[in-house]
Amino acid sequence: MVKGADWMSGTQLVNGALLAAGLTQGQIQARIFGPQIVTLTGAKLSKSLIRANQAEPLADEDAWMLGTRKWPGSADAYAARLLHANTVLLSHPRHFFRDYSTEEFARLMDTKTRSYSAT
């Protein structure tokens, strides 16, 4: 299971409850926690709060972070850029011990500097 880092503390509680209920460590699903995406204010990027107008909306060019259909290029280009960003994130463990701003994640996706081709 892959989850955002914001789930980490809650998962520890769930794991403790599962162990108390009699499961063994080997029976509990393995979890990997990825970095959290935060807004420029440092708040967790929350699609539900933004959609409910309870958090600052994203800039129009970053609307794809809330819905992949808003990616300005093809689905192939989106998949290629997402694969590239994940390759960067998986390149060193330090990437999993920090948060990324929406601006930095957009940079990782290369939306500001490259055309939207799949290459």
C-alpha atoms as a PDB file:
ATOM      1  CA  MET A   1       0.000   0.000   0.000  1.00  0.00           C
ATOM      2  CA  VAL A   2       1.344   3.430  -0.894  1.00  0.00           C
ATOM      3  CA  LYS A   3       0.052   6.402   1.076  1.00  0.00           C
ATOM      4  CA  GLY A   4       0.976  10.034   1.532  1.00  0.00           C
ATOM      5  CA  ALA A   5       3.090  10.896   4.557  1.00  0.00           C
ATOM      6  CA  ASP A   6       0.068  12.473   6.249  1.00  0.00           C
ATOM      7  CA  TRP A   7      -1.254   8.927   6.874  1.00  0.00           C
ATOM      8  CA  MET A   8       1.903   7.798   8.696  1.00  0.00           C
ATOM      9  CA  SER A   9       0.906   8.539  12.293  1.00  0.00           C
ATOM     10  CA  GLY A  10      -2.588   7.105  11.843  1.00  0.00           C
ATOM     11  CA  THR A  11      -1.189   3.929  10.342  1.00  0.00           C
ATOM     12  CA  GLN A  12       0.924   3.343  13.436  1.00  0.00           C
ATOM     13  CA  LEU A  13      -2.258   3.375  15.509  1.00  0.00           C
ATOM     14  CA  VAL A  14      -4.010   1.012  13.097  1.00  0.00           C
ATOM     15  CA  ASN A  15      -1.050  -1.366  13.116  1.00  0.00           C
ATOM     16  CA  GLY A  16      -1.050  -1.370  16.919  1.00  0.00           C
ATOM     17  CA  ALA A  17      -4.752  -2.192  16.978  1.00  0.00           C
ATOM     18  CA  LEU A  18      -4.278  -4.988  14.432  1.00  0.00           C
ATOM     19  CA  LEU A  19      -1.467  -6.464  16.533  1.00  0.00           C
ATOM     20  CA  ALA A  20      -3.642  -6.185  19.666  1.00  0.00           C
ATOM     21  CA  ALA A  21      -6.433  -7.983  17.802  1.00  0.00           C
ATOM     22  CA  GLY A  22      -4.107 -10.940  17.236  1.00  0.00           C
ATOM     23  CA  LEU A  23      -2.588 -10.392  13.802  1.00  0.00           C
ATOM     24  CA  THR A  24       1.125 -10.955  13.451  1.00  0.00           C
ATOM     25  CA  GLN A  25       3.485  -8.400  11.940  1.00  0.00           C
ATOM     26  CA  GLY A  26       3.699 -10.579   8.822  1.00  0.00           C
ATOM     27  CA  GLN A  27      -0.074 -10.425   8.341  1.00  0.00           C
ATOM     28  CA  ILE A  28      -0.223  -6.634   8.325  1.00  0.00           C
ATOM     29  CA  GLN A  29      -0.083  -5.090   4.889  1.00  0.00           C
ATOM     30  CA  ALA A  30       3.225  -3.400   4.085  1.00  0.00           C
ATOM     31  CA  ARG A  31       2.976   0.352   3.614  1.00  0.00           C
ATOM     32  CA  ILE A  32       5.185   2.837   1.816  1.00  0.00           C
ATOM     33  CA  PHE A  33       4.720   6.524   2.517  1.00  0.00           C
ATOM     34  CA  GLY A  34       5.415   9.032  -0.187  1.00  0.00           C
ATOM     35  CA  PRO A  35       6.137  12.714   0.229  1.00  0.00           C
ATOM     36  CA  GLN A  36       3.274  15.066   0.919  1.00  0.00           C
ATOM     37  CA  ILE A  37       2.346  17.863  -1.486  1.00  0.00           C
ATOM     38  CA  VAL A  38       1.689  21.158   0.293  1.00  0.00           C
ATOM     39  CA  THR A  39       0.404  24.531  -0.827  1.00  0.00           C
ATOM     40  CA  LEU A  40       2.568  27.641  -0.757  1.00  0.00           C
ATOM     41  CA  THR A  41       1.245  28.324   2.771  1.00  0.00           C
ATOM     42  CA  GLY A  42       2.564  24.938   3.931  1.00  0.00           C
ATOM     43  CA  ALA A  43      -0.890  23.379   4.309  1.00  0.00           C
ATOM     44  CA  LYS A  44      -1.467  19.895   2.920  1.00  0.00           C
ATOM     45  CA  LEU A  45      -2.808  20.010  -0.624  1.00  0.00           C
ATOM     46  CA  SER A  46      -6.406  18.962  -0.051  1.00  0.00           C
ATOM     47  CA  LYS A  47      -8.535  18.500  -3.132  1.00  0.00           C
ATOM     48  CA  SER A  48     -11.696  18.165  -1.055  1.00  0.00           C
ATOM     49  CA  LEU A  49     -11.078  21.411   0.880  1.00  0.00           C
ATOM     50  CA  ILE A  50     -10.232  23.322  -2.302  1.00  0.00           C
ATOM     51  CA  ARG A  51     -13.360  22.023  -4.033  1.00  0.00           C
ATOM     52  CA  ALA A  52     -15.431  23.020  -0.981  1.00  0.00           C
ATOM     53  CA  ASN A  53     -13.899  26.543  -1.087  1.00  0.00           C
ATOM     54  CA  GLN A  54     -12.335  25.996   2.344  1.00  0.00           C
ATOM     55  CA  ALA A  55      -8.756  26.278   1.091  1.00  0.00           C
ATOM     56  CA  GLU A  56      -6.893  28.509  -1.337  1.00  0.00           C
ATOM     57  CA  PRO A  57      -7.420  27.374  -4.953  1.00  0.00           C
ATOM     58  CA  LEU A  58      -4.484  26.452  -7.152  1.00  0.00           C
ATOM     59  CA  ALA A  59      -3.323  28.610 -10.016  1.00  0.00           C
ATOM     60  CA  ASP A  60      -5.001  27.714 -13.317  1.00  0.00           C
ATOM     61  CA  GLU A  61      -1.804  26.205 -14.727  1.00  0.00           C
ATOM     62  CA  ASP A  62      -1.661  23.799 -11.775  1.00  0.00           C
ATOM     63  CA  ALA A  63      -5.316  22.704 -11.942  1.00  0.00           C
ATOM     64  CA  TRP A  64      -4.122  19.305 -13.213  1.00  0.00           C
ATOM     65  CA  MET A  65      -3.059  18.506  -9.632  1.00  0.00           C
ATOM     66  CA  LEU A  66      -6.735  18.375  -8.698  1.00  0.00           C
ATOM     67  CA  GLY A  67      -7.898  16.477 -11.757  1.00  0.00           C
ATOM     68  CA  THR A  68      -5.740  14.767 -14.336  1.00  0.00           C
ATOM     69  CA  ARG A  69      -8.212  15.651 -17.095  1.00  0.00           C
ATOM     70  CA  LYS A  70      -6.961  19.217 -16.765  1.00  0.00           C
ATOM     71  CA  TRP A  71      -3.424  18.250 -17.810  1.00  0.00           C
ATOM     72  CA  PRO A  72      -2.673  20.530 -20.761  1.00  0.00           C
ATOM     73  CA  GLY A  73      -1.232  17.754 -22.925  1.00  0.00           C
ATOM     74  CA  SER A  74      -1.964  14.176 -23.868  1.00  0.00           C
ATOM     75  CA  ALA A  75      -2.502  11.295 -21.473  1.00  0.00           C
ATOM     76  CA  ASP A  76       0.758   9.801 -22.769  1.00  0.00           C
ATOM     77  CA  ALA A  77       2.634  12.996 -21.919  1.00  0.00           C
ATOM     78  CA  TYR A  78       1.085  13.067 -18.439  1.00  0.00           C
ATOM     79  CA  ALA A  79       2.077   9.451 -17.808  1.00  0.00           C
ATOM     80  CA  ALA A  80       5.617  10.103 -19.054  1.00  0.00           C
ATOM     81  CA  ARG A  81       6.037  13.178 -16.833  1.00  0.00           C
ATOM     82  CA  LEU A  82       4.575  11.370 -13.806  1.00  0.00           C
ATOM     83  CA  LEU A  83       6.940   8.460 -14.376  1.00  0.00           C
ATOM     84  CA  HIS A  84       9.859  10.904 -14.603  1.00  0.00           C
ATOM     85  CA  ALA A  85       8.817  12.674 -11.369  1.00  0.00           C
ATOM     86  CA  ASN A  86       8.510   9.346  -9.565  1.00  0.00           C
ATOM     87  CA  THR A  87      11.911   8.261 -10.871  1.00  0.00           C
ATOM     88  CA  VAL A  88      13.362  11.401  -9.285  1.00  0.00           C
ATOM     89  CA  LEU A  89      11.510  10.791  -6.004  1.00  0.00           C
ATOM     90  CA  LEU A  90      12.639   7.164  -5.874  1.00  0.00           C
ATOM     91  CA  SER A  91      16.246   8.074  -6.637  1.00  0.00           C
ATOM     92  CA  HIS A  92      17.117   8.791  -3.000  1.00  0.00           C
ATOM     93  CA  PRO A  93      15.423   8.108   0.350  1.00  0.00           C
ATOM     94  CA  ARG A  94      15.742  11.780   1.358  1.00  0.00           C
ATOM     95  CA  HIS A  95      12.834  12.560  -0.956  1.00  0.00           C
ATOM     96  CA  PHE A  96      10.501  10.610   1.327  1.00  0.00           C
ATOM     97  CA  PHE A  97      11.390  12.650   4.405  1.00  0.00           C
ATOM     98  CA  ARG A  98      10.244  16.035   3.185  1.00  0.00           C
ATOM     99  CA  ASP A  99       7.219  17.757   1.763  1.00  0.00           C
ATOM    100  CA  TYR A 100       6.997  19.237  -1.715  1.00  0.00           C
ATOM    101  CA  SER A 101       5.227  22.477  -2.522  1.00  0.00           C
ATOM    102  CA  THR A 102       2.816  22.475  -5.420  1.00  0.00           C
ATOM    103  CA  GLU A 103       5.326  24.715  -7.209  1.00  0.00           C
ATOM    104  CA  GLU A 104       8.169  22.229  -6.690  1.00  0.00           C
ATOM    105  CA  PHE A 105       6.010  19.297  -7.741  1.00  0.00           C
ATOM    106  CA  ALA A 106       5.028  21.173 -10.908  1.00  0.00           C
ATOM    107  CA  ARG A 107       8.754  21.685 -11.525  1.00  0.00           C
ATOM    108  CA  LEU A 108       9.362  17.959 -11.009  1.00  0.00           C
ATOM    109  CA  MET A 109       6.630  17.286 -13.539  1.00  0.00           C
ATOM    110  CA  ASP A 110       8.484  19.737 -15.770  1.00  0.00           C
ATOM    111  CA  THR A 111       5.339  21.681 -16.595  1.00  0.00           C
ATOM    112  CA  LYS A 112       7.057  25.049 -16.575  1.00  0.00           C
ATOM    113  CA  THR A 113      10.054  24.291 -18.770  1.00  0.00           C
ATOM    114  CA  ARG A 114       9.173  21.694 -21.385  1.00  0.00           C
ATOM    115  CA  SER A 115       6.551  21.171 -24.046  1.00  0.00           C
ATOM    116  CA  TYR A 116       3.923  18.607 -23.234  1.00  0.00           C
ATOM    117  CA  SER A 117       5.254  15.876 -25.495  1.00  0.00           C
ATOM    118  CA  ALA A 118       5.670  12.354 -24.139  1.00  0.00           C
ATOM    119  CA  THR A 119       9.460  12.516 -24.505  1.00  0.00           C
END
